[in-house]
Amino acid sequence: MNKNTVLAWATFIMIVVGLVLIGLGAFRYDDVAGWGFASVGIGFFAIAWVFNALKGRV
């Protein structure tokens, strides 16, 4: 695996984890903890976006 493949897999895994965290925040926790899970999930999306932007440049 080269660097671009590793970044692609990291992006995919971060998107999946972000979706799981947003799902937990939306459906499992109804109080303030749900907002925390959802915001961390959005943070995972932001990091995945950076990983995707780095493909081909590293």
Protein backbone atom coordinates (compact mmCIF):
# COMPACT_ATOMS: atom_id res chain seq x y z
CA MET A 1 0.00 0.00 0.00
CA ASN A 2 1.29 3.42 -0.88
CA LYS A 3 0.60 6.69 0.94
CA ASN A 4 -2.49 7.54 -1.11
CA THR A 5 -4.09 4.18 -0.34
CA VAL A 6 -3.43 4.62 3.37
CA LEU A 7 -5.00 8.10 3.29
CA ALA A 8 -8.00 6.74 1.37
CA TRP A 9 -8.57 4.00 3.96
CA ALA A 10 -8.11 6.50 6.80
CA THR A 11 -10.68 8.80 5.17
CA PHE A 12 -13.16 5.94 4.77
CA ILE A 13 -12.73 4.77 8.38
CA MET A 14 -13.08 8.32 9.72
CA ILE A 15 -16.31 8.82 7.74
CA VAL A 16 -17.75 5.56 9.11
CA VAL A 17 -16.81 6.45 12.70
CA GLY A 18 -18.24 9.96 12.21
CA LEU A 19 -21.53 8.51 10.98
CA VAL A 20 -21.67 6.12 13.95
CA LEU A 21 -21.03 8.96 16.41
CA ILE A 22 -23.67 11.18 14.82
CA GLY A 23 -26.09 8.24 14.88
CA LEU A 24 -25.38 7.64 18.56
CA GLY A 25 -25.93 11.31 19.30
CA ALA A 26 -29.19 11.39 17.36
CA PHE A 27 -30.79 8.10 18.36
CA ARG A 28 -29.19 6.77 21.55
CA TYR A 29 -28.62 9.77 23.78
CA ASP A 30 -31.43 12.29 24.14
CA ASP A 31 -29.78 14.66 26.61
CA VAL A 32 -26.70 16.88 26.43
CA ALA A 33 -24.41 13.91 25.72
CA GLY A 34 -26.09 13.53 22.33
CA TRP A 35 -24.90 16.98 21.32
CA GLY A 36 -21.37 16.01 22.32
CA PHE A 37 -21.43 12.81 20.28
CA ALA A 38 -22.80 14.66 17.25
CA SER A 39 -20.20 17.42 17.46
CA VAL A 40 -17.36 14.90 17.73
CA GLY A 41 -18.82 13.10 14.70
CA ILE A 42 -18.74 16.36 12.74
CA GLY A 43 -15.12 16.79 13.85
CA PHE A 44 -14.34 13.36 12.43
CA PHE A 45 -15.84 14.52 9.12
CA ALA A 46 -13.57 17.58 9.16
CA ILE A 47 -10.46 15.46 9.74
CA ALA A 48 -11.56 13.03 7.00
CA TRP A 49 -11.93 15.99 4.65
CA VAL A 50 -8.33 17.02 5.42
CA PHE A 51 -7.10 13.46 4.80
CA ASN A 52 -8.93 13.43 1.48
CA ALA A 53 -7.38 16.78 0.52
CA LEU A 54 -3.89 15.43 1.30
CA LYS A 55 -4.20 12.56 -1.16
CA GLY A 56 -1.75 13.09 -4.01
CA ARG A 57 0.14 15.85 -2.20
CA VAL A 58 2.05 13.84 0.40
